[in-house]
């Protein structure tokens, strides 16, 4: 399962409205893990409306989240959150599978 905090849900909803995504029920948040960043792996977020055969689909807090199977292995029980505080603004992941993450929180290692 991939979880979505209340703050992240509000931000995702606002971004979809701002992007004027038509047919919002067909769209979902795609979460991926890609190589890169100072710790080796980085998170990637996109809006998408096309599912692939091996995609894993979840819904939490009213947000539909889809990830590919390979990324899901890194994301099990991860929570997507959003911060608008003084220390930085943006989405971040609370990932219990990460053994370390970089100072900016945009990359991690397992």
C-alpha atoms as a PDB file:
ATOM      1  CA  UNK A   1       0.000   0.000   0.000  1.00  0.00           C
ATOM      2  CA  UNK A   2       1.046   3.583  -0.643  1.00  0.00           C
ATOM      3  CA  UNK A   3      -0.540   6.105   1.703  1.00  0.00           C
ATOM      4  CA  UNK A   4      -1.458   9.758   1.093  1.00  0.00           C
ATOM      5  CA  UNK A   5      -1.550  12.306   3.929  1.00  0.00           C
ATOM      6  CA  UNK A   6      -4.291  14.922   4.241  1.00  0.00           C
ATOM      7  CA  UNK A   7      -1.915  17.718   3.187  1.00  0.00           C
ATOM      8  CA  UNK A   8      -0.732  15.764   0.140  1.00  0.00           C
ATOM      9  CA  UNK A   9      -4.340  15.041  -0.868  1.00  0.00           C
ATOM     10  CA  UNK A  10      -5.220  18.748  -0.788  1.00  0.00           C
ATOM     11  CA  UNK A  11      -2.136  19.618  -2.871  1.00  0.00           C
ATOM     12  CA  UNK A  12      -2.784  16.847  -5.430  1.00  0.00           C
ATOM     13  CA  UNK A  13      -6.406  18.004  -5.801  1.00  0.00           C
ATOM     14  CA  UNK A  14      -5.288  21.627  -6.257  1.00  0.00           C
ATOM     15  CA  UNK A  15      -2.642  20.677  -8.830  1.00  0.00           C
ATOM     16  CA  UNK A  16      -5.198  18.724 -10.845  1.00  0.00           C
ATOM     17  CA  UNK A  17      -7.534  21.731 -10.811  1.00  0.00           C
ATOM     18  CA  UNK A  18      -4.704  24.124 -11.722  1.00  0.00           C
ATOM     19  CA  UNK A  19      -3.657  21.876 -14.620  1.00  0.00           C
ATOM     20  CA  UNK A  20      -7.298  21.801 -15.756  1.00  0.00           C
ATOM     21  CA  UNK A  21      -7.126  18.050 -16.190  1.00  0.00           C
ATOM     22  CA  UNK A  22     -10.312  17.030 -17.952  1.00  0.00           C
ATOM     23  CA  UNK A  23     -11.906  13.725 -17.033  1.00  0.00           C
ATOM     24  CA  UNK A  24     -10.321  13.804 -13.598  1.00  0.00           C
ATOM     25  CA  UNK A  25     -11.855  10.446 -12.685  1.00  0.00           C
ATOM     26  CA  UNK A  26      -9.714   8.792 -15.374  1.00  0.00           C
ATOM     27  CA  UNK A  27      -6.511  10.365 -14.100  1.00  0.00           C
ATOM     28  CA  UNK A  28      -4.363   9.162 -11.245  1.00  0.00           C
ATOM     29  CA  UNK A  29      -1.104   9.998  -9.541  1.00  0.00           C
ATOM     30  CA  UNK A  30       1.739   7.876 -10.896  1.00  0.00           C
ATOM     31  CA  UNK A  31       4.553   7.370  -8.395  1.00  0.00           C
ATOM     32  CA  UNK A  32       7.829   5.926  -9.662  1.00  0.00           C
ATOM     33  CA  UNK A  33      11.330   5.242  -8.441  1.00  0.00           C
ATOM     34  CA  UNK A  34      14.101   6.094 -10.909  1.00  0.00           C
ATOM     35  CA  UNK A  35      17.874   5.946 -10.735  1.00  0.00           C
ATOM     36  CA  UNK A  36      19.581   9.203  -9.820  1.00  0.00           C
ATOM     37  CA  UNK A  37      20.047  11.718  -7.077  1.00  0.00           C
ATOM     38  CA  UNK A  38      22.860  11.874  -4.582  1.00  0.00           C
ATOM     39  CA  UNK A  39      21.687   8.730  -2.746  1.00  0.00           C
ATOM     40  CA  UNK A  40      21.124   6.593  -5.841  1.00  0.00           C
ATOM     41  CA  UNK A  41      17.318   6.487  -6.250  1.00  0.00           C
ATOM     42  CA  UNK A  42      14.809   9.293  -6.755  1.00  0.00           C
ATOM     43  CA  UNK A  43      11.045   9.620  -6.578  1.00  0.00           C
ATOM     44  CA  UNK A  44       9.034  10.758  -9.578  1.00  0.00           C
ATOM     45  CA  UNK A  45       5.425  12.028  -9.550  1.00  0.00           C
ATOM     46  CA  UNK A  46       3.206  12.547 -12.593  1.00  0.00           C
ATOM     47  CA  UNK A  47      -0.458  12.657 -13.503  1.00  0.00           C
ATOM     48  CA  UNK A  48      -1.346   9.853 -15.902  1.00  0.00           C
ATOM     49  CA  UNK A  49      -4.413   8.197 -17.371  1.00  0.00           C
ATOM     50  CA  UNK A  50      -2.931   5.062 -18.948  1.00  0.00           C
ATOM     51  CA  UNK A  51      -2.348   1.956 -16.882  1.00  0.00           C
ATOM     52  CA  UNK A  52       0.254  -0.583 -17.881  1.00  0.00           C
ATOM     53  CA  UNK A  53      -0.194  -4.365 -17.517  1.00  0.00           C
ATOM     54  CA  UNK A  54       1.948  -4.807 -14.362  1.00  0.00           C
ATOM     55  CA  UNK A  55       0.865  -1.609 -12.592  1.00  0.00           C
ATOM     56  CA  UNK A  56      -0.128  -1.741  -8.946  1.00  0.00           C
ATOM     57  CA  UNK A  57      -3.138   0.426  -8.064  1.00  0.00           C
ATOM     58  CA  UNK A  58      -4.103   1.837  -4.670  1.00  0.00           C
ATOM     59  CA  UNK A  59      -6.487   4.410  -3.330  1.00  0.00           C
ATOM     60  CA  UNK A  60      -5.930   6.222  -0.067  1.00  0.00           C
ATOM     61  CA  UNK A  61      -7.565   9.356   1.277  1.00  0.00           C
ATOM     62  CA  UNK A  62      -9.500   9.746  -1.978  1.00  0.00           C
ATOM     63  CA  UNK A  63      -6.366   9.785  -4.169  1.00  0.00           C
ATOM     64  CA  UNK A  64      -5.809   7.049  -6.741  1.00  0.00           C
ATOM     65  CA  UNK A  65      -2.109   6.101  -6.823  1.00  0.00           C
ATOM     66  CA  UNK A  66      -0.542   3.844  -9.451  1.00  0.00           C
ATOM     67  CA  UNK A  67       3.010   2.543  -9.577  1.00  0.00           C
ATOM     68  CA  UNK A  68       4.883   0.034 -11.679  1.00  0.00           C
ATOM     69  CA  UNK A  69       5.765  -3.266 -10.038  1.00  0.00           C
ATOM     70  CA  UNK A  70       9.511  -2.556  -9.816  1.00  0.00           C
ATOM     71  CA  UNK A  71       8.927   0.807  -8.090  1.00  0.00           C
ATOM     72  CA  UNK A  72       6.369  -0.730  -5.752  1.00  0.00           C
ATOM     73  CA  UNK A  73       9.066  -2.991  -4.289  1.00  0.00           C
ATOM     74  CA  UNK A  74      10.787   0.196  -3.038  1.00  0.00           C
ATOM     75  CA  UNK A  75       7.558   1.944  -2.019  1.00  0.00           C
ATOM     76  CA  UNK A  76       5.699  -0.615   0.127  1.00  0.00           C
ATOM     77  CA  UNK A  77       4.076   1.182   3.104  1.00  0.00           C
ATOM     78  CA  UNK A  78       5.406   4.583   2.012  1.00  0.00           C
ATOM     79  CA  UNK A  79       3.430   7.742   2.818  1.00  0.00           C
ATOM     80  CA  UNK A  80       3.297  10.668   0.418  1.00  0.00           C
ATOM     81  CA  UNK A  81       3.154  13.935   2.341  1.00  0.00           C
ATOM     82  CA  UNK A  82       3.399  17.648   1.573  1.00  0.00           C
ATOM     83  CA  UNK A  83       5.231  20.370   3.454  1.00  0.00           C
ATOM     84  CA  UNK A  84       4.719  24.086   3.090  1.00  0.00           C
ATOM     85  CA  UNK A  85       6.973  25.057   5.967  1.00  0.00           C
ATOM     86  CA  UNK A  86      10.074  27.210   6.205  1.00  0.00           C
ATOM     87  CA  UNK A  87      12.458  24.272   5.717  1.00  0.00           C
ATOM     88  CA  UNK A  88      11.168  23.570   2.234  1.00  0.00           C
ATOM     89  CA  UNK A  89       8.021  23.336   0.230  1.00  0.00           C
ATOM     90  CA  UNK A  90       6.942  20.313  -1.726  1.00  0.00           C
ATOM     91  CA  UNK A  91       6.046  16.672  -1.689  1.00  0.00           C
ATOM     92  CA  UNK A  92       8.143  14.280   0.330  1.00  0.00           C
ATOM     93  CA  UNK A  93       8.036  10.570   1.084  1.00  0.00           C
ATOM     94  CA  UNK A  94       8.160   8.826   4.434  1.00  0.00           C
ATOM     95  CA  UNK A  95       9.633   5.560   3.227  1.00  0.00           C
ATOM     96  CA  UNK A  96      10.271   2.844   5.822  1.00  0.00           C
ATOM     97  CA  UNK A  97      12.283   0.897   3.225  1.00  0.00           C
ATOM     98  CA  UNK A  98      14.930   3.601   2.777  1.00  0.00           C
ATOM     99  CA  UNK A  99      18.170   2.911   4.635  1.00  0.00           C
ATOM    100  CA  UNK A 100      19.322   6.501   4.066  1.00  0.00           C
ATOM    101  CA  UNK A 101      18.190   9.614   2.240  1.00  0.00           C
ATOM    102  CA  UNK A 102      19.911  12.780   1.144  1.00  0.00           C
ATOM    103  CA  UNK A 103      19.613  16.074   2.983  1.00  0.00           C
ATOM    104  CA  UNK A 104      17.099  17.502   0.516  1.00  0.00           C
ATOM    105  CA  UNK A 105      14.885  14.394   0.794  1.00  0.00           C
ATOM    106  CA  UNK A 106      14.618  13.890  -2.958  1.00  0.00           C
ATOM    107  CA  UNK A 107      16.683  10.728  -3.172  1.00  0.00           C
ATOM    108  CA  UNK A 108      17.223   7.616  -1.098  1.00  0.00           C
ATOM    109  CA  UNK A 109      18.985   4.265  -0.892  1.00  0.00           C
ATOM    110  CA  UNK A 110      17.843   0.835   0.259  1.00  0.00           C
END
